[in-house]
C-alpha cells in the first residue's frame, strides 16, 4: 500500500512535469438514469448507490451529483448523448445557466431564461425543439444547475435564448391564429365606426395593432403596419407612427386579456383602460361582422 508521503511526492513530481495532478478524495453520488436532452422523460429511481471519486477542487458544493445525459436538444451547446455532467443541487440560477428540471413528472436538461415580460422558459439548444414555457398549473421544479461538462462551458448566450423563445412564440401564434379575411375598404369603414376620432391619439394605435395583427392577415412589422393603416385614410383619425408603436410598454405585446394594472404597474390606469376598451370594442365588432373570428 502506498504511504501518504509517497503519494505526496508522486503528486509533486507530476506537477513539476507540467501535469495538473490532483488527488481524487471526494466521493460524488453517481446517478445511472440519464437526464433527457429532449422532451422531459420519467426520471424513475435514479440513484444506483455508487460514487465517483473526484478531486475536491472540481466539486463546487457538498450537494453535487453526476448524471449522464441523453438526447440532442442541447447539442448546439456541446452536449451529446452519453455525456456526463456535474449538477449542483438547489443552486441559485440566472439567465443562461443550464439546469436539470422536473417538468410534470419528467426530467429534462435545458437552459433557464426569464424574458422581458417575466415569463420563465426552459430553452433547448437545437432549433428542432420548442422552448418550454413554465406556466401556472404545471408541476415544475429546478433540481440543480450544471456546473461542469467536458465539452464546453455550460452556459448559453442571452441572444440565443431570446431567439429560441421568439421562434417558439412565432410558431405558437401561427398555429393558434384564426385569420379574419377583411378588405382594406371594409377595415377602413370598421375603424371609422369603432374608433373615436375626438379622443384617440397616435399612441392608441398600439391597441388597434395588437388586435389586427392577432386576428387579421395584416403586416406585423411596426413600419409596414403603420404604412398600411395610414394608407386606409380613415377620416379624422390621427396618423399611425411606427416609432410610437415601438416605444410603447411591453404589456401591449401580450394578449389583450393580460392588459391589467397588475401586469403593467408603470402604465397609467386611465391610459390602460382606454386602450383595453379600444381593443375589446374592435375585437367585438370583428367577431360580430365576420363569422370566422375566434
Protein backbone atom coordinates (compact mmCIF):
# COMPACT_ATOMS: atom_id res chain seq x y z
CA UNK A 1 0.00 0.00 0.00
CA UNK A 2 1.33 3.45 -0.92
CA UNK A 3 2.01 5.75 2.02
CA UNK A 4 0.80 9.33 2.37
CA UNK A 5 4.38 10.60 1.96
CA UNK A 6 4.88 8.59 -1.22
CA UNK A 7 1.59 9.87 -2.61
CA UNK A 8 2.52 13.48 -1.89
CA UNK A 9 5.92 13.02 -3.56
CA UNK A 10 4.28 11.46 -6.62
CA UNK A 11 1.81 14.34 -6.94
CA UNK A 12 4.63 16.90 -6.55
CA UNK A 13 6.70 15.16 -9.26
CA UNK A 14 3.74 15.05 -11.67
CA UNK A 15 3.10 18.78 -11.16
CA UNK A 16 6.76 19.53 -11.80
CA UNK A 17 6.33 17.79 -15.16
CA UNK A 18 3.56 20.26 -16.05
CA UNK A 19 0.64 17.99 -15.25
CA UNK A 20 -2.43 19.15 -13.33
CA UNK A 21 -2.28 16.24 -10.89
CA UNK A 22 -4.98 16.22 -8.20
CA UNK A 23 -5.97 13.74 -5.53
CA UNK A 24 -9.39 12.14 -6.09
CA UNK A 25 -10.51 12.21 -2.48
CA UNK A 26 -14.12 13.45 -2.69
CA UNK A 27 -16.98 10.99 -3.25
CA UNK A 28 -19.77 12.27 -5.51
CA UNK A 29 -23.06 10.33 -5.97
CA UNK A 30 -23.44 8.91 -9.48
CA UNK A 31 -26.95 8.72 -10.95
CA UNK A 32 -27.30 6.00 -13.55
CA UNK A 33 -30.61 7.05 -15.16
CA UNK A 34 -29.85 9.67 -17.83
CA UNK A 35 -31.40 13.12 -17.81
CA UNK A 36 -33.12 13.93 -21.10
CA UNK A 37 -31.73 16.47 -23.58
CA UNK A 38 -35.04 16.27 -25.41
CA UNK A 39 -38.60 16.11 -24.20
CA UNK A 40 -38.97 15.52 -20.44
CA UNK A 41 -38.85 11.81 -19.60
CA UNK A 42 -39.65 9.84 -16.48
CA UNK A 43 -36.59 10.02 -14.26
CA UNK A 44 -37.55 6.91 -12.30
CA UNK A 45 -35.44 5.67 -9.39
CA UNK A 46 -32.19 7.35 -10.35
CA UNK A 47 -29.76 6.67 -7.52
CA UNK A 48 -27.78 3.49 -8.01
CA UNK A 49 -25.79 3.72 -4.78
CA UNK A 50 -22.45 4.25 -6.50
CA UNK A 51 -20.00 7.10 -6.02
CA UNK A 52 -17.36 8.60 -8.26
CA UNK A 53 -14.18 9.85 -6.60
CA UNK A 54 -13.17 13.35 -7.77
CA UNK A 55 -10.66 16.00 -6.73
CA UNK A 56 -12.16 18.37 -4.18
CA UNK A 57 -11.39 21.36 -6.44
CA UNK A 58 -13.83 20.05 -9.04
CA UNK A 59 -16.74 19.77 -6.63
CA UNK A 60 -18.48 23.11 -6.15
CA UNK A 61 -20.54 22.07 -3.14
CA UNK A 62 -21.33 19.10 -0.96
CA UNK A 63 -24.68 18.84 -2.77
CA UNK A 64 -23.18 17.82 -6.12
CA UNK A 65 -24.23 14.82 -8.18
CA UNK A 66 -23.13 13.36 -11.53
CA UNK A 67 -25.67 12.35 -14.17
CA UNK A 68 -25.35 11.13 -17.76
CA UNK A 69 -27.35 12.93 -20.45
CA UNK A 70 -29.24 11.64 -23.45
CA UNK A 71 -30.91 13.17 -26.49
CA UNK A 72 -29.95 16.01 -28.83
CA UNK A 73 -31.92 19.10 -27.72
CA UNK A 74 -28.75 20.64 -26.21
CA UNK A 75 -26.35 19.64 -28.99
CA UNK A 76 -25.65 23.23 -30.06
CA UNK A 77 -24.37 23.89 -26.52
CA UNK A 78 -21.96 20.96 -26.89
CA UNK A 79 -23.93 18.30 -25.01
CA UNK A 80 -24.22 14.96 -26.73
CA UNK A 81 -25.90 11.68 -25.90
CA UNK A 82 -23.85 9.83 -23.28
CA UNK A 83 -22.03 12.86 -21.86
CA UNK A 84 -21.84 13.28 -18.10
CA UNK A 85 -22.46 16.49 -16.17
CA UNK A 86 -21.95 17.70 -12.61
CA UNK A 87 -25.14 19.14 -11.13
CA UNK A 88 -25.12 21.39 -8.07
CA UNK A 89 -28.40 20.77 -6.27
CA UNK A 90 -30.65 23.65 -5.16
CA UNK A 91 -28.28 26.20 -6.68
CA UNK A 92 -29.39 29.74 -7.47
CA UNK A 93 -29.84 30.09 -11.25
CA UNK A 94 -29.85 33.03 -13.65
CA UNK A 95 -30.38 33.58 -17.37
CA UNK A 96 -28.16 31.31 -19.43
CA UNK A 97 -27.49 28.71 -16.74
CA UNK A 98 -28.12 25.14 -17.84
CA UNK A 99 -30.35 23.37 -15.37
CA UNK A 100 -31.82 19.96 -14.65
CA UNK A 101 -35.55 20.27 -14.00
CA UNK A 102 -38.59 18.14 -13.32
CA UNK A 103 -41.46 19.11 -15.65
CA UNK A 104 -44.81 17.45 -14.96
CA UNK A 105 -43.08 14.34 -13.63
CA UNK A 106 -40.40 14.15 -16.31
CA UNK A 107 -36.75 15.11 -16.04
CA UNK A 108 -35.02 17.32 -18.60
CA UNK A 109 -31.91 19.46 -19.07
CA UNK A 110 -32.36 22.89 -20.63
CA UNK A 111 -31.10 26.47 -20.39
CA UNK A 112 -33.00 28.75 -18.00
CA UNK A 113 -34.34 32.10 -19.25
CA UNK A 114 -36.66 34.81 -17.92
CA UNK A 115 -37.80 37.13 -20.70
CA UNK A 116 -38.54 40.85 -20.52
CA UNK A 117 -42.17 40.21 -19.58
CA UNK A 118 -41.30 37.97 -16.64
CA UNK A 119 -42.14 34.67 -18.34
CA UNK A 120 -39.96 31.72 -17.35
CA UNK A 121 -38.61 29.35 -20.00
CA UNK A 122 -36.59 26.15 -20.30
CA UNK A 123 -34.79 26.61 -23.60
CA UNK A 124 -33.26 23.91 -25.84
CA UNK A 125 -30.19 24.48 -27.98
CA UNK A 126 -31.50 22.75 -31.06
CA UNK A 127 -33.85 24.53 -33.49
CA UNK A 128 -35.91 21.34 -33.88
CA UNK A 129 -37.28 21.73 -30.34
CA UNK A 130 -39.58 24.40 -28.89
CA UNK A 131 -38.76 26.18 -25.67
CA UNK A 132 -40.88 25.10 -22.69
CA UNK A 133 -42.79 27.98 -21.08
CA UNK A 134 -43.34 27.49 -17.35
CA UNK A 135 -46.97 28.47 -16.75
CA UNK A 136 -49.45 28.22 -13.92
CA UNK A 137 -50.76 24.71 -13.45
CA UNK A 138 -47.54 22.97 -14.45
CA UNK A 139 -45.54 20.99 -11.91
CA UNK A 140 -42.00 22.31 -12.34
CA UNK A 141 -39.00 22.31 -10.06
CA UNK A 142 -35.35 23.11 -10.70
CA UNK A 143 -33.26 20.20 -9.40
CA UNK A 144 -29.95 21.97 -9.83
CA UNK A 145 -27.50 23.80 -12.07
CA UNK A 146 -24.99 22.13 -14.40
CA UNK A 147 -21.57 23.25 -13.19
CA UNK A 148 -19.14 21.12 -15.18
CA UNK A 149 -19.04 19.47 -18.60
CA UNK A 150 -16.03 18.34 -20.52
CA UNK A 151 -17.13 19.58 -23.93
CA UNK A 152 -17.93 23.22 -23.26
CA UNK A 153 -18.65 25.88 -20.65
CA UNK A 154 -22.22 25.16 -19.55
CA UNK A 155 -23.86 28.48 -20.37
CA UNK A 156 -25.95 29.81 -23.24
CA UNK A 157 -25.81 33.38 -24.57
CA UNK A 158 -28.71 35.77 -23.92
CA UNK A 159 -29.21 36.45 -27.64
CA UNK A 160 -29.56 32.73 -28.39
CA UNK A 161 -32.07 32.31 -25.58
CA UNK A 162 -34.18 35.22 -26.79
CA UNK A 163 -34.09 33.99 -30.40
CA UNK A 164 -35.21 30.49 -29.43
CA UNK A 165 -38.11 31.82 -27.33
CA UNK A 166 -39.13 34.24 -30.13
CA UNK A 167 -39.22 31.37 -32.63
CA UNK A 168 -41.34 29.30 -30.25
CA UNK A 169 -43.84 32.15 -29.76
CA UNK A 170 -44.00 32.76 -33.52
CA UNK A 171 -44.78 29.09 -34.23
CA UNK A 172 -47.35 29.01 -31.42
CA UNK A 173 -49.05 32.14 -32.71
CA UNK A 174 -49.15 30.77 -36.27
CA UNK A 175 -50.70 27.51 -35.10
CA UNK A 176 -53.34 29.13 -32.90
CA UNK A 177 -54.27 32.11 -35.08
CA UNK A 178 -57.72 32.28 -36.72
CA UNK A 179 -57.35 34.68 -39.64
CA UNK A 180 -60.19 37.03 -40.48
CA UNK A 181 -60.37 37.91 -44.15
CA UNK A 182 -61.14 41.62 -44.47
CA UNK A 183 -60.59 44.03 -47.34
CA UNK A 184 -58.97 47.45 -46.98
CA UNK A 185 -62.32 49.11 -47.67
CA UNK A 186 -64.10 47.01 -45.03
CA UNK A 187 -61.35 47.70 -42.48
CA UNK A 188 -61.41 51.44 -43.13
CA UNK A 189 -65.18 51.51 -42.56
CA UNK A 190 -64.85 49.39 -39.42
CA UNK A 191 -62.14 51.61 -37.90
CA UNK A 192 -64.14 54.72 -38.71
CA UNK A 193 -67.12 53.31 -36.81
CA UNK A 194 -65.31 51.80 -33.79
CA UNK A 195 -62.65 54.42 -33.10
CA UNK A 196 -63.49 57.82 -31.61
CA UNK A 197 -61.64 60.44 -33.64
CA UNK A 198 -62.17 63.06 -30.91
CA UNK A 199 -60.43 61.12 -28.12
CA UNK A 200 -57.98 58.85 -29.93
CA UNK A 201 -54.33 59.87 -30.21
CA UNK A 202 -51.35 58.42 -32.08
CA UNK A 203 -50.19 56.23 -29.20
CA UNK A 204 -53.57 54.47 -29.01
CA UNK A 205 -52.87 52.73 -32.31
CA UNK A 206 -50.99 50.08 -30.30
CA UNK A 207 -54.37 48.69 -29.17
CA UNK A 208 -55.53 48.51 -32.79
CA UNK A 209 -52.20 46.94 -33.80
CA UNK A 210 -52.48 44.14 -31.24
CA UNK A 211 -55.99 43.14 -32.33
CA UNK A 212 -55.48 43.39 -36.09
CA UNK A 213 -52.14 41.56 -36.08
CA UNK A 214 -53.63 38.80 -33.90
CA UNK A 215 -56.91 38.45 -35.79
CA UNK A 216 -56.28 39.57 -39.37
CA UNK A 217 -53.71 38.95 -42.07
CA UNK A 218 -52.02 42.33 -41.63
CA UNK A 219 -48.30 43.19 -41.57
CA UNK A 220 -46.82 42.57 -38.09
CA UNK A 221 -43.81 44.85 -38.51
CA UNK A 222 -44.38 48.30 -36.98
CA UNK A 223 -43.31 50.22 -40.09
CA UNK A 224 -45.32 48.07 -42.50
CA UNK A 225 -48.36 48.18 -40.22
CA UNK A 226 -48.21 51.97 -39.88
CA UNK A 227 -47.89 52.36 -43.66
CA UNK A 228 -50.90 50.10 -44.20
CA UNK A 229 -53.10 51.92 -41.67
CA UNK A 230 -52.15 55.36 -42.97
CA UNK A 231 -52.92 54.14 -46.48
CA UNK A 232 -56.53 53.49 -45.46
CA UNK A 233 -57.00 57.25 -44.97
CA UNK A 234 -59.77 56.96 -42.37
CA UNK A 235 -61.20 60.50 -41.90
CA UNK A 236 -60.48 62.16 -38.55
CA UNK A 237 -58.12 59.55 -37.14
CA UNK A 238 -54.56 60.56 -36.15
CA UNK A 239 -51.52 59.34 -38.05
CA UNK A 240 -50.19 55.93 -37.07
CA UNK A 241 -46.46 56.30 -36.32
CA UNK A 242 -44.17 53.28 -36.26
CA UNK A 243 -41.80 54.86 -33.74
CA UNK A 244 -44.66 55.31 -31.23
CA UNK A 245 -45.77 51.70 -31.64
CA UNK A 246 -42.21 50.58 -30.98
CA UNK A 247 -41.80 52.70 -27.82
CA UNK A 248 -44.93 51.58 -26.01
CA UNK A 249 -44.82 49.48 -22.85
CA UNK A 250 -44.14 45.74 -23.26
CA UNK A 251 -47.58 44.94 -21.79
CA UNK A 252 -49.06 45.57 -25.25
CA UNK A 253 -47.05 42.69 -26.68
CA UNK A 254 -49.22 40.34 -24.60
CA UNK A 255 -52.75 39.18 -25.45
CA UNK A 256 -55.41 41.76 -24.61
CA UNK A 257 -56.81 39.72 -21.69
CA UNK A 258 -53.48 40.20 -19.91
CA UNK A 259 -53.63 44.01 -20.13
CA UNK A 260 -54.17 44.58 -16.42
CA UNK A 261 -52.83 47.09 -13.93
CA UNK A 262 -51.08 44.25 -12.08
CA UNK A 263 -49.13 43.31 -15.23
CA UNK A 264 -48.32 46.92 -16.12
CA UNK A 265 -47.55 48.88 -12.93
CA UNK A 266 -45.67 51.57 -14.90
CA UNK A 267 -48.67 52.38 -17.14
CA UNK A 268 -51.26 54.91 -16.04
CA UNK A 269 -54.52 53.15 -15.23
CA UNK A 270 -56.60 55.61 -17.29
CA UNK A 271 -54.42 55.06 -20.36
CA UNK A 272 -54.51 51.29 -19.95
CA UNK A 273 -58.30 51.27 -19.51
CA UNK A 274 -58.73 53.38 -22.62
CA UNK A 275 -56.66 51.01 -24.76
CA UNK A 276 -58.37 47.94 -23.32
CA UNK A 277 -61.72 49.49 -24.30
CA UNK A 278 -60.48 50.17 -27.84
CA UNK A 279 -59.14 46.64 -28.24
CA UNK A 280 -62.26 44.98 -26.86
CA UNK A 281 -64.58 47.09 -29.00
CA UNK A 282 -62.60 46.26 -32.12
CA UNK A 283 -62.48 42.54 -31.29
CA UNK A 284 -66.22 42.51 -30.59
CA UNK A 285 -67.07 44.21 -33.87
CA UNK A 286 -64.79 41.87 -35.83
CA UNK A 287 -66.45 38.86 -34.24
CA UNK A 288 -69.91 40.29 -34.93
CA UNK A 289 -69.25 41.00 -38.59
CA UNK A 290 -67.06 38.10 -39.62
CA UNK A 291 -68.10 34.53 -38.91
CA UNK A 292 -64.52 33.17 -38.92
CA UNK A 293 -63.50 35.37 -35.95
CA UNK A 294 -62.24 33.48 -32.89
